[in-house]
N, C-alpha and C. Protein backbone atom coordinates (compact mmCIF):
# COMPACT_ATOMS: atom_id res chain seq x y z
N MET A 1 128.24 61.56 138.20
CA MET A 1 128.15 60.12 137.93
C MET A 1 128.05 59.41 139.33
N VAL A 2 127.07 58.55 139.28
CA VAL A 2 126.84 57.38 140.34
C VAL A 2 127.22 56.18 140.20
N PHE A 3 128.31 55.65 140.83
CA PHE A 3 128.83 54.36 140.44
C PHE A 3 127.93 53.03 141.20
N ALA A 4 127.70 52.30 140.78
CA ALA A 4 126.74 51.19 141.25
C ALA A 4 126.74 49.72 140.93
N ARG A 5 126.87 48.82 141.69
CA ARG A 5 126.87 47.45 141.14
C ARG A 5 125.40 46.97 140.99
N ALA A 6 125.35 45.70 140.21
CA ALA A 6 123.93 45.24 140.30
C ALA A 6 123.28 44.61 141.71
N PRO A 7 122.17 44.76 142.10
CA PRO A 7 121.63 44.30 143.19
C PRO A 7 121.85 42.62 143.31
N GLY A 8 122.40 42.17 144.45
CA GLY A 8 122.58 41.19 144.42
C GLY A 8 124.22 40.75 144.52
N GLU A 9 125.09 41.77 143.80
CA GLU A 9 126.44 41.82 143.70
C GLU A 9 127.18 42.66 144.73
N ALA A 10 126.20 43.49 145.66
CA ALA A 10 126.68 44.43 146.24
C ALA A 10 125.86 44.18 147.70
N LYS A 11 126.85 44.89 148.92
CA LYS A 11 126.09 44.95 150.27
C LYS A 11 125.82 43.26 150.80
N THR A 12 126.96 42.27 150.07
CA THR A 12 127.01 41.17 150.87
C THR A 12 127.02 40.88 152.50
N ARG A 13 127.99 42.33 152.86
CA ARG A 13 128.08 41.94 154.33
C ARG A 13 126.96 42.19 154.91
N LEU A 14 125.91 42.43 154.43
CA LEU A 14 124.22 42.78 155.27
C LEU A 14 123.57 41.60 155.22
N ILE A 15 124.00 40.65 154.54
CA ILE A 15 122.91 39.30 154.23
C ILE A 15 122.67 38.80 155.38
N PRO A 16 123.93 38.52 156.32
CA PRO A 16 123.37 38.07 157.78
C PRO A 16 122.44 38.55 158.42
N ALA A 17 122.35 39.98 158.40
CA ALA A 17 121.13 40.83 158.95
C ALA A 17 119.87 40.79 158.24
N LEU A 18 120.03 41.01 156.88
CA LEU A 18 118.68 41.41 156.14
C LEU A 18 118.37 40.02 155.35
N GLY A 19 119.24 39.02 155.05
CA GLY A 19 118.81 38.02 154.07
C GLY A 19 119.39 38.39 152.59
N GLU A 20 119.72 37.42 151.59
CA GLU A 20 119.84 38.01 150.38
C GLU A 20 118.75 38.96 149.81
N ALA A 21 117.63 38.85 149.57
CA ALA A 21 116.45 39.56 149.17
C ALA A 21 116.64 40.96 149.86
N GLY A 22 116.41 40.98 151.01
CA GLY A 22 116.58 42.24 152.10
C GLY A 22 117.77 43.34 151.45
N ALA A 23 119.04 42.58 151.34
CA ALA A 23 120.20 43.47 150.98
C ALA A 23 120.12 43.89 149.77
N ALA A 24 119.66 42.78 148.58
CA ALA A 24 119.32 43.72 147.28
C ALA A 24 118.53 44.62 147.42
N ALA A 25 117.19 44.86 148.04
CA ALA A 25 116.51 45.57 148.03
C ALA A 25 116.50 46.91 148.58
N LEU A 26 117.67 46.84 149.76
CA LEU A 26 118.03 47.91 150.39
C LEU A 26 119.06 48.83 149.31
N HIS A 27 119.92 47.87 148.73
CA HIS A 27 120.94 48.47 147.76
C HIS A 27 120.28 49.28 146.58
N ARG A 28 119.03 48.62 146.20
CA ARG A 28 118.34 49.33 145.17
C ARG A 28 117.58 50.66 145.69
N ARG A 29 117.40 50.45 146.79
CA ARG A 29 116.74 52.29 147.52
C ARG A 29 117.72 52.95 147.57
N LEU A 30 118.88 52.60 147.73
CA LEU A 30 120.23 53.26 148.15
C LEU A 30 120.75 53.82 146.88
N VAL A 31 120.73 53.37 145.74
CA VAL A 31 120.92 53.51 144.49
C VAL A 31 119.95 54.73 144.02
N MET A 32 118.62 54.56 144.18
CA MET A 32 117.69 55.33 143.66
C MET A 32 117.92 56.56 144.59
N HIS A 33 118.16 56.43 146.00
CA HIS A 33 118.46 57.74 146.72
C HIS A 33 119.59 58.52 145.89
N CYS A 34 120.69 57.89 145.58
CA CYS A 34 121.83 58.73 145.20
C CYS A 34 121.76 59.43 143.90
N LEU A 35 120.77 58.66 142.63
CA LEU A 35 120.34 59.00 141.72
C LEU A 35 119.25 60.28 141.79
N ARG A 36 118.62 60.21 142.85
CA ARG A 36 117.73 61.21 143.07
C ARG A 36 118.25 62.43 143.46
N ALA A 37 119.32 62.46 144.27
CA ALA A 37 120.00 63.50 144.82
C ALA A 37 120.81 64.15 143.73
N ALA A 38 121.49 63.38 142.84
CA ALA A 38 121.86 63.86 141.53
C ALA A 38 121.12 64.87 140.77
N ARG A 39 119.95 63.92 140.34
CA ARG A 39 119.06 64.58 139.62
C ARG A 39 118.77 65.86 140.26
N ASP A 40 118.13 66.01 141.44
CA ASP A 40 117.60 67.06 142.43
C ASP A 40 118.50 68.23 142.32
N SER A 41 119.99 67.81 142.21
CA SER A 41 121.05 69.09 142.49
C SER A 41 120.97 69.74 141.06
N ARG A 42 120.44 69.62 139.97
CA ARG A 42 120.34 70.23 138.85
C ARG A 42 121.58 70.85 138.44
N LEU A 43 122.74 70.08 138.68
CA LEU A 43 124.06 70.46 137.97
C LEU A 43 124.57 70.13 136.72
N GLY A 44 123.65 69.26 136.18
CA GLY A 44 123.81 68.53 134.68
C GLY A 44 123.67 67.22 134.68
N PRO A 45 123.70 66.49 133.41
CA PRO A 45 123.15 65.24 133.27
C PRO A 45 123.75 64.24 134.01
N VAL A 46 122.87 63.26 134.67
CA VAL A 46 123.36 62.50 135.72
C VAL A 46 123.50 60.98 134.94
N GLU A 47 124.75 60.64 135.32
CA GLU A 47 125.17 59.23 134.50
C GLU A 47 124.97 58.12 135.61
N LEU A 48 124.61 56.90 135.41
CA LEU A 48 124.65 55.55 136.26
C LEU A 48 125.88 54.76 135.35
N TRP A 49 126.87 54.75 136.23
CA TRP A 49 128.07 53.90 135.87
C TRP A 49 128.00 52.32 136.43
N CYS A 50 127.43 51.56 135.79
CA CYS A 50 126.83 50.23 135.94
C CYS A 50 128.04 49.06 135.96
N ALA A 51 127.89 48.12 136.96
CA ALA A 51 128.81 47.04 136.99
C ALA A 51 127.56 45.78 137.42
N PRO A 52 128.04 44.68 136.52
CA PRO A 52 128.78 44.54 135.38
C PRO A 52 128.74 45.06 134.10
N ASP A 53 127.63 45.46 133.91
CA ASP A 53 127.00 46.26 132.48
C ASP A 53 125.92 46.92 132.62
N THR A 54 125.31 47.64 131.58
CA THR A 54 124.26 48.19 131.81
C THR A 54 122.63 47.42 131.31
N SER A 55 122.99 46.06 131.24
CA SER A 55 121.67 45.57 130.73
C SER A 55 121.06 44.91 131.75
N VAL A 56 121.45 45.00 133.29
CA VAL A 56 120.67 44.69 134.51
C VAL A 56 119.34 45.16 134.48
N PRO A 57 118.04 44.75 134.53
CA PRO A 57 116.95 45.27 134.55
C PRO A 57 116.86 46.52 135.54
N PHE A 58 117.39 45.95 136.96
CA PHE A 58 117.35 47.52 137.63
C PHE A 58 118.02 48.63 137.08
N PHE A 59 119.10 48.59 136.56
CA PHE A 59 119.65 49.79 135.93
C PHE A 59 118.80 50.63 134.77
N ARG A 60 118.05 49.73 133.98
CA ARG A 60 117.17 50.12 133.03
C ARG A 60 116.01 50.84 133.71
N GLU A 61 115.68 50.25 134.79
CA GLU A 61 114.23 51.03 135.45
C GLU A 61 115.14 52.26 135.84
N CYS A 62 116.26 52.54 136.23
CA CYS A 62 116.81 53.72 136.68
C CYS A 62 116.90 54.70 135.90
N GLU A 63 117.15 54.09 134.79
CA GLU A 63 117.04 55.01 133.36
C GLU A 63 115.73 55.67 133.13
N ARG A 64 114.75 54.78 133.12
CA ARG A 64 113.58 54.88 132.70
C ARG A 64 112.59 55.92 133.71
N ARG A 65 112.96 55.54 135.02
CA ARG A 65 112.30 56.19 136.03
C ARG A 65 112.89 57.71 136.25
N LEU A 66 114.46 57.80 136.26
CA LEU A 66 114.97 58.69 137.06
C LEU A 66 115.92 59.47 135.73
N GLY A 67 115.69 59.02 134.52
CA GLY A 67 116.44 59.81 133.44
C GLY A 67 117.93 59.61 133.42
N ALA A 68 118.39 58.65 134.08
CA ALA A 68 119.86 58.73 134.31
C ALA A 68 120.26 58.02 132.81
N SER A 69 121.59 58.43 132.22
CA SER A 69 122.20 57.70 131.38
C SER A 69 123.15 56.66 131.68
N LEU A 70 123.05 55.52 130.83
CA LEU A 70 123.59 54.41 131.59
C LEU A 70 124.74 53.92 130.92
N HIS A 71 126.07 53.74 131.67
CA HIS A 71 127.50 53.77 131.16
C HIS A 71 128.16 52.47 131.93
N ALA A 72 128.50 51.39 131.01
CA ALA A 72 129.27 50.30 131.72
C ALA A 72 130.37 50.93 132.43
N GLN A 73 130.84 50.42 133.74
CA GLN A 73 132.12 50.66 134.46
C GLN A 73 133.48 49.91 133.64
N GLY A 74 133.10 48.62 132.98
CA GLY A 74 134.38 48.26 132.43
C GLY A 74 135.03 47.62 133.29
N GLU A 75 136.42 47.12 132.65
CA GLU A 75 137.24 46.02 133.31
C GLU A 75 137.94 46.81 134.22
N GLY A 76 138.87 46.18 135.01
CA GLY A 76 140.03 46.87 136.00
C GLY A 76 139.37 47.09 137.47
N ASP A 77 140.26 47.32 138.26
CA ASP A 77 140.13 47.65 139.69
C ASP A 77 139.14 49.10 139.49
N LEU A 78 138.65 49.35 141.01
CA LEU A 78 137.92 50.66 140.97
C LEU A 78 138.67 51.67 140.58
N GLY A 79 139.87 51.88 140.95
CA GLY A 79 140.71 53.29 140.05
C GLY A 79 140.52 53.33 138.86
N ALA A 80 140.76 52.27 138.11
CA ALA A 80 140.97 52.45 136.60
C ALA A 80 139.36 52.42 135.92
N ARG A 81 138.62 52.19 136.76
CA ARG A 81 137.15 52.43 136.47
C ARG A 81 136.52 53.84 136.75
N MET A 82 137.17 54.60 137.65
CA MET A 82 136.63 55.73 138.08
C MET A 82 137.53 56.58 137.06
N GLN A 83 138.93 56.32 137.15
CA GLN A 83 139.51 57.13 135.74
C GLN A 83 138.67 57.29 134.46
N ARG A 84 138.52 55.92 134.12
CA ARG A 84 137.50 55.86 132.93
C ARG A 84 136.20 56.74 132.89
N ALA A 85 135.57 56.85 133.88
CA ALA A 85 134.46 57.63 134.17
C ALA A 85 134.78 59.48 133.98
N PHE A 86 135.80 59.52 134.77
CA PHE A 86 136.14 61.17 134.84
C PHE A 86 136.77 61.42 133.45
N GLU A 87 137.59 60.65 132.65
CA GLU A 87 138.00 60.99 131.45
C GLU A 87 136.90 61.15 130.38
N SER A 88 136.01 60.47 130.53
CA SER A 88 134.70 60.60 129.85
C SER A 88 133.91 61.74 129.98
N ALA A 89 133.72 62.05 131.32
CA ALA A 89 132.94 63.20 131.84
C ALA A 89 133.61 64.51 131.30
N LEU A 90 134.90 64.70 131.68
CA LEU A 90 135.62 65.68 131.70
C LEU A 90 136.11 66.34 130.16
N ALA A 91 135.79 65.34 129.46
CA ALA A 91 135.79 65.78 127.78
C ALA A 91 134.78 66.31 127.43
N LEU A 92 133.65 66.21 128.02
CA LEU A 92 132.69 67.13 127.78
C LEU A 92 132.27 68.26 128.36
N SER A 93 132.71 68.46 129.90
CA SER A 93 132.29 69.45 130.88
C SER A 93 133.66 69.85 131.75
N PRO A 94 133.68 70.90 131.96
CA PRO A 94 134.86 71.58 132.66
C PRO A 94 135.09 71.07 134.22
N ARG A 95 134.00 70.12 134.49
CA ARG A 95 134.08 69.63 135.82
C ARG A 95 133.16 68.38 135.93
N ALA A 96 133.37 67.56 136.93
CA ALA A 96 132.58 66.13 137.17
C ALA A 96 132.74 65.72 138.40
N ILE A 97 131.31 65.11 139.01
CA ILE A 97 131.60 64.57 140.23
C ILE A 97 131.16 63.30 140.24
N LEU A 98 131.86 62.61 141.04
CA LEU A 98 131.55 61.11 141.19
C LEU A 98 131.07 60.59 142.79
N VAL A 99 130.08 60.04 142.71
CA VAL A 99 129.71 59.38 143.96
C VAL A 99 129.38 57.84 144.07
N GLY A 100 129.51 57.42 145.38
CA GLY A 100 129.21 55.88 145.45
C GLY A 100 127.75 56.00 145.33
N SER A 101 126.98 54.67 145.51
CA SER A 101 125.60 54.44 145.55
C SER A 101 125.25 54.12 146.87
N ASP A 102 125.95 54.05 148.08
CA ASP A 102 125.18 53.60 149.42
C ASP A 102 125.39 54.69 150.53
N ILE A 103 125.05 56.02 149.90
CA ILE A 103 125.48 57.18 150.84
C ILE A 103 124.07 57.74 151.33
N PRO A 104 123.37 57.24 152.42
CA PRO A 104 122.08 57.71 152.82
C PRO A 104 122.23 59.36 153.40
N ALA A 105 123.09 60.15 153.60
CA ALA A 105 123.03 61.38 153.90
C ALA A 105 123.25 62.19 152.53
N LEU A 106 123.87 61.62 151.59
CA LEU A 106 123.83 62.13 150.30
C LEU A 106 122.60 63.51 150.03
N SER A 107 122.75 64.48 149.65
CA SER A 107 121.90 65.49 149.41
C SER A 107 122.10 66.39 148.17
N PRO A 108 121.35 67.03 147.40
CA PRO A 108 121.43 67.67 146.48
C PRO A 108 122.63 68.98 146.99
N ARG A 109 122.34 69.33 148.07
CA ARG A 109 122.90 70.62 148.50
C ARG A 109 124.66 70.27 148.84
N TYR A 110 124.94 68.90 149.28
CA TYR A 110 126.14 68.66 149.22
C TYR A 110 126.69 68.42 147.92
N LEU A 111 126.01 68.08 147.02
CA LEU A 111 126.49 68.01 145.65
C LEU A 111 126.84 69.21 145.18
N ARG A 112 126.13 70.30 145.47
CA ARG A 112 125.99 71.81 144.85
C ARG A 112 127.38 72.25 145.47
N ASP A 113 127.43 72.00 146.82
CA ASP A 113 128.52 72.35 147.40
C ASP A 113 129.97 72.10 147.04
N ALA A 114 130.10 70.79 146.39
CA ALA A 114 131.34 70.16 145.91
C ALA A 114 131.21 70.79 144.38
N ASP A 115 130.43 71.14 143.65
CA ASP A 115 130.32 71.77 142.16
C ASP A 115 131.02 73.20 142.44
N GLN A 116 130.45 73.73 143.70
CA GLN A 116 130.86 75.27 144.12
C GLN A 116 132.25 75.53 144.31
N ALA A 117 132.86 74.27 144.83
CA ALA A 117 134.38 74.51 145.46
C ALA A 117 134.97 74.44 143.89
N LEU A 118 134.82 73.43 143.12
CA LEU A 118 135.32 73.18 141.69
C LEU A 118 135.08 74.46 141.00
N GLY A 119 133.93 75.09 141.06
CA GLY A 119 133.85 76.25 140.25
C GLY A 119 134.57 77.58 140.57
N ARG A 120 135.06 77.40 142.04
CA ARG A 120 135.83 78.63 142.43
C ARG A 120 137.46 78.17 142.06
N GLY A 121 137.64 77.27 141.58
CA GLY A 121 138.95 76.98 140.82
C GLY A 121 139.70 75.74 141.66
N ASP A 122 139.12 75.08 142.43
CA ASP A 122 139.51 73.70 143.07
C ASP A 122 139.83 72.72 141.89
N ASP A 123 140.82 72.13 141.80
CA ASP A 123 141.31 70.81 141.21
C ASP A 123 140.14 69.59 141.48
N ALA A 124 140.29 69.63 142.84
CA ALA A 124 139.52 68.36 143.33
C ALA A 124 138.40 68.79 144.76
N ALA A 125 137.56 68.31 144.78
CA ALA A 125 136.85 68.28 146.05
C ALA A 125 136.44 66.81 146.52
N ILE A 126 136.80 66.59 147.79
CA ILE A 126 136.62 65.38 148.33
C ILE A 126 135.47 65.33 149.35
N GLY A 127 134.39 64.32 149.40
CA GLY A 127 133.75 64.03 150.67
C GLY A 127 134.14 62.88 151.38
N PRO A 128 134.92 63.18 152.44
CA PRO A 128 135.31 62.31 153.04
C PRO A 128 134.16 60.98 153.75
N ALA A 129 134.38 59.82 153.79
CA ALA A 129 133.74 58.81 154.34
C ALA A 129 134.32 58.66 155.59
N GLU A 130 133.39 57.95 156.86
CA GLU A 130 133.86 57.46 158.04
C GLU A 130 134.85 56.53 157.98
N ASP A 131 134.55 55.82 157.07
CA ASP A 131 135.47 54.50 157.27
C ASP A 131 136.82 54.71 156.61
N GLY A 132 137.29 55.91 156.29
CA GLY A 132 138.68 56.34 155.77
C GLY A 132 138.54 56.33 154.17
N GLY A 133 137.49 56.09 153.58
CA GLY A 133 137.66 56.37 152.11
C GLY A 133 137.07 57.72 152.09
N TYR A 134 136.27 57.80 150.93
CA TYR A 134 135.69 58.84 150.41
C TYR A 134 134.11 58.68 149.72
N ALA A 135 133.50 59.35 149.99
CA ALA A 135 131.95 59.19 149.52
C ALA A 135 131.57 59.65 148.12
N LEU A 136 132.58 60.85 147.95
CA LEU A 136 132.41 61.92 146.91
C LEU A 136 133.73 62.27 146.27
N ILE A 137 134.02 62.40 145.02
CA ILE A 137 135.27 62.88 144.51
C ILE A 137 135.01 63.70 143.36
N GLY A 138 135.07 65.10 143.23
CA GLY A 138 134.81 65.98 142.06
C GLY A 138 136.00 66.55 141.79
N LEU A 139 136.31 66.40 140.18
CA LEU A 139 137.57 67.01 139.63
C LEU A 139 137.08 67.81 138.69
N SER A 140 138.14 68.94 138.32
CA SER A 140 137.94 69.77 137.19
C SER A 140 139.33 69.30 136.10
N ARG A 141 139.95 68.53 136.27
CA ARG A 141 141.08 67.87 135.57
C ARG A 141 141.36 66.31 136.36
N CYS A 142 141.56 65.53 135.43
CA CYS A 142 141.91 64.24 135.81
C CYS A 142 143.46 63.78 135.63
N ASP A 143 144.05 62.92 136.49
CA ASP A 143 145.58 62.40 136.57
C ASP A 143 145.46 61.13 136.81
N PRO A 144 146.02 60.29 136.34
CA PRO A 144 145.96 58.55 136.64
C PRO A 144 146.31 58.44 138.06
N GLU A 145 147.22 59.25 138.41
CA GLU A 145 148.21 59.06 139.70
C GLU A 145 147.20 59.18 140.66
N LEU A 146 145.79 59.87 140.83
CA LEU A 146 145.13 59.80 141.50
C LEU A 146 144.30 58.63 141.88
N PHE A 147 144.32 57.45 140.94
CA PHE A 147 143.65 56.23 141.00
C PHE A 147 144.48 55.09 140.99
N ARG A 148 145.73 55.06 140.68
CA ARG A 148 146.59 54.27 140.48
C ARG A 148 146.99 53.52 141.81
N ASP A 149 146.77 52.12 141.74
CA ASP A 149 147.44 51.58 143.24
C ASP A 149 147.15 52.13 144.29
N ILE A 150 145.95 52.29 144.45
CA ILE A 150 145.07 52.78 145.91
C ILE A 150 144.81 51.52 146.48
N PRO A 151 144.88 51.23 147.66
CA PRO A 151 144.11 50.11 148.54
C PRO A 151 142.71 50.40 148.57
N TRP A 152 142.14 50.04 147.50
CA TRP A 152 140.52 50.41 147.53
C TRP A 152 139.75 49.58 148.65
N GLY A 153 138.65 50.20 149.33
CA GLY A 153 137.98 49.26 150.31
C GLY A 153 138.74 49.48 151.67
N GLY A 154 140.01 49.99 151.81
CA GLY A 154 140.87 49.79 153.17
C GLY A 154 140.67 51.21 153.72
N PRO A 155 141.13 51.33 154.90
CA PRO A 155 141.33 52.71 155.61
C PRO A 155 141.92 53.77 155.29
N GLU A 156 142.84 53.67 154.63
CA GLU A 156 143.96 54.59 154.08
C GLU A 156 143.67 55.11 152.79
N VAL A 157 142.24 55.02 152.10
CA VAL A 157 142.13 55.42 150.65
C VAL A 157 142.15 57.01 150.80
N LEU A 158 141.81 57.65 151.61
CA LEU A 158 141.27 58.98 151.83
C LEU A 158 142.75 59.73 152.32
N ALA A 159 143.35 59.07 152.92
CA ALA A 159 145.04 59.64 153.36
C ALA A 159 145.78 59.53 152.10
N GLU A 160 145.57 58.40 151.60
CA GLU A 160 146.45 58.42 150.23
C GLU A 160 146.25 59.32 149.31
N THR A 161 144.74 59.31 149.09
CA THR A 161 144.41 60.53 148.06
C THR A 161 144.78 61.90 148.31
N ARG A 162 144.86 62.12 149.64
CA ARG A 162 145.29 63.28 150.05
C ARG A 162 146.86 63.59 149.93
N ARG A 163 147.41 62.58 149.83
CA ARG A 163 148.84 62.41 149.68
C ARG A 163 149.11 62.70 148.06
N ARG A 164 148.40 62.13 147.39
CA ARG A 164 148.62 62.26 145.87
C ARG A 164 148.00 63.61 145.47
N LEU A 165 147.14 64.19 145.96
CA LEU A 165 146.48 65.73 145.67
C LEU A 165 147.89 66.60 146.16
N ALA A 166 148.24 66.34 147.26
CA ALA A 166 149.63 67.13 147.62
C ALA A 166 150.97 67.13 146.55
N ALA A 167 150.94 65.94 146.13
CA ALA A 167 152.18 65.60 145.21
C ALA A 167 151.90 66.32 143.83
N LEU A 168 150.68 66.44 143.53
CA LEU A 168 150.40 66.97 142.38
C LEU A 168 150.20 68.51 142.36
N SER A 169 150.32 69.04 143.66
CA SER A 169 150.10 70.38 143.73
C SER A 169 148.82 70.79 143.61
N TRP A 170 147.58 70.30 143.42
CA TRP A 170 146.40 70.65 143.37
C TRP A 170 145.80 71.35 144.41
N ARG A 171 145.14 72.20 144.00
CA ARG A 171 144.01 72.81 144.98
C ARG A 171 142.88 71.76 145.31
N SER A 172 142.81 71.68 146.49
CA SER A 172 141.65 70.72 146.72
C SER A 172 140.64 71.04 148.06
N SER A 173 139.54 70.69 148.07
CA SER A 173 138.68 71.21 149.40
C SER A 173 138.06 70.21 149.63
N GLU A 174 137.73 69.87 151.10
CA GLU A 174 136.82 68.66 151.68
C GLU A 174 135.84 69.15 152.44
N LEU A 175 134.46 68.76 152.30
CA LEU A 175 133.14 68.54 152.66
C LEU A 175 133.17 68.07 153.85
N PRO A 176 131.93 68.16 154.58
CA PRO A 176 131.85 67.40 155.82
C PRO A 176 131.79 66.12 155.56
N VAL A 177 132.26 65.30 156.53
CA VAL A 177 132.32 63.79 156.56
C VAL A 177 130.76 63.04 156.36
N LEU A 178 130.62 62.12 155.47
CA LEU A 178 129.57 61.40 155.43
C LEU A 178 129.83 59.83 155.88
N TRP A 179 128.90 59.32 155.75
CA TRP A 179 128.76 57.89 156.21
C TRP A 179 128.03 56.78 154.97
N ASP A 180 128.82 55.68 154.92
CA ASP A 180 128.00 54.68 154.05
C ASP A 180 127.56 53.61 154.91
N VAL A 181 126.80 52.74 153.87
CA VAL A 181 126.15 51.67 154.64
C VAL A 181 127.32 50.39 154.28
N ASP A 182 127.99 49.75 155.03
CA ASP A 182 128.44 48.60 154.66
C ASP A 182 128.32 47.56 155.47
N ARG A 183 127.87 47.66 156.83
CA ARG A 183 127.97 46.69 157.91
C ARG A 183 126.40 46.71 158.54
N PRO A 184 126.21 45.65 159.18
CA PRO A 184 124.90 45.40 159.71
C PRO A 184 124.75 46.76 160.97
N GLU A 185 125.68 46.91 161.66
CA GLU A 185 125.56 48.06 162.60
C GLU A 185 125.25 49.49 161.90
N ASP A 186 125.51 49.75 160.69
CA ASP A 186 125.05 50.91 159.86
C ASP A 186 123.75 50.94 159.83
N LEU A 187 123.06 49.76 159.76
CA LEU A 187 121.66 49.83 159.66
C LEU A 187 120.72 50.64 160.43
N GLU A 188 121.23 50.51 161.71
CA GLU A 188 120.60 51.34 162.68
C GLU A 188 120.13 52.67 162.48
N ARG A 189 121.39 53.28 161.77
CA ARG A 189 121.21 54.94 161.25
C ARG A 189 120.42 55.35 159.98
N LEU A 190 119.83 53.96 159.51
CA LEU A 190 119.25 54.49 158.15
C LEU A 190 117.85 55.44 158.68
N PRO A 191 117.88 56.44 157.86
CA PRO A 191 116.76 57.24 157.95
C PRO A 191 115.53 56.44 157.38
N GLN A 192 114.41 57.02 158.12
CA GLN A 192 113.16 56.02 157.86
C GLN A 192 112.92 55.67 156.54
N GLY A 193 113.10 56.74 155.60
CA GLY A 193 112.84 56.54 154.16
C GLY A 193 113.23 55.42 153.27
N LEU A 194 114.44 55.08 153.84
CA LEU A 194 115.53 54.13 153.07
C LEU A 194 115.15 52.58 153.70
N ARG A 195 114.25 52.70 155.26
CA ARG A 195 114.25 51.44 155.64
C ARG A 195 113.19 50.54 154.81
N ALA A 196 113.06 49.48 155.25
CA ALA A 196 111.93 48.39 154.45
C ALA A 196 110.73 49.00 154.97
N ARG A 197 109.71 48.62 153.90
CA ARG A 197 108.22 49.35 154.13
C ARG A 197 107.72 48.03 155.19
């Protein structure tokens, strides 16, 4: 599952460096990159969870070009929307992986490593992000406690999630740390393939 907001509603902190059109274009490239990584991992169906809804032309293009099924994230904070996505996926599959859409280093191998951890019996697999959050979470079961009242977007997300996993007595593993694109200084690290043509 890839979570994405519509171009123009995401990456607003990059507008001073790229302008509105440039920030929206980079966001589109990043979403496509994450969807390709998910598709190329060959782990199962790829779902694009859209905000505000699935009617955005760019999301329709993703469906057409990359075969991702479209799902509306719906109402609530990020935690409520993530919980809803996991409940939907785990009703159909023994494990599910959710990623953001702004992770230049996301690869099929990284996704397969998360799946292998879950396949070995872990309840959760986490891909930490440099900013104190996480870029990936994989689950073989879902509990609302993992998502309720988390300070989303802040530097304590990963630490709080670790505490919640420990309180649930779940087996979990962590993958190598990734970085996401949030601030103008992150642009210098972009691989050539994600830079503006």
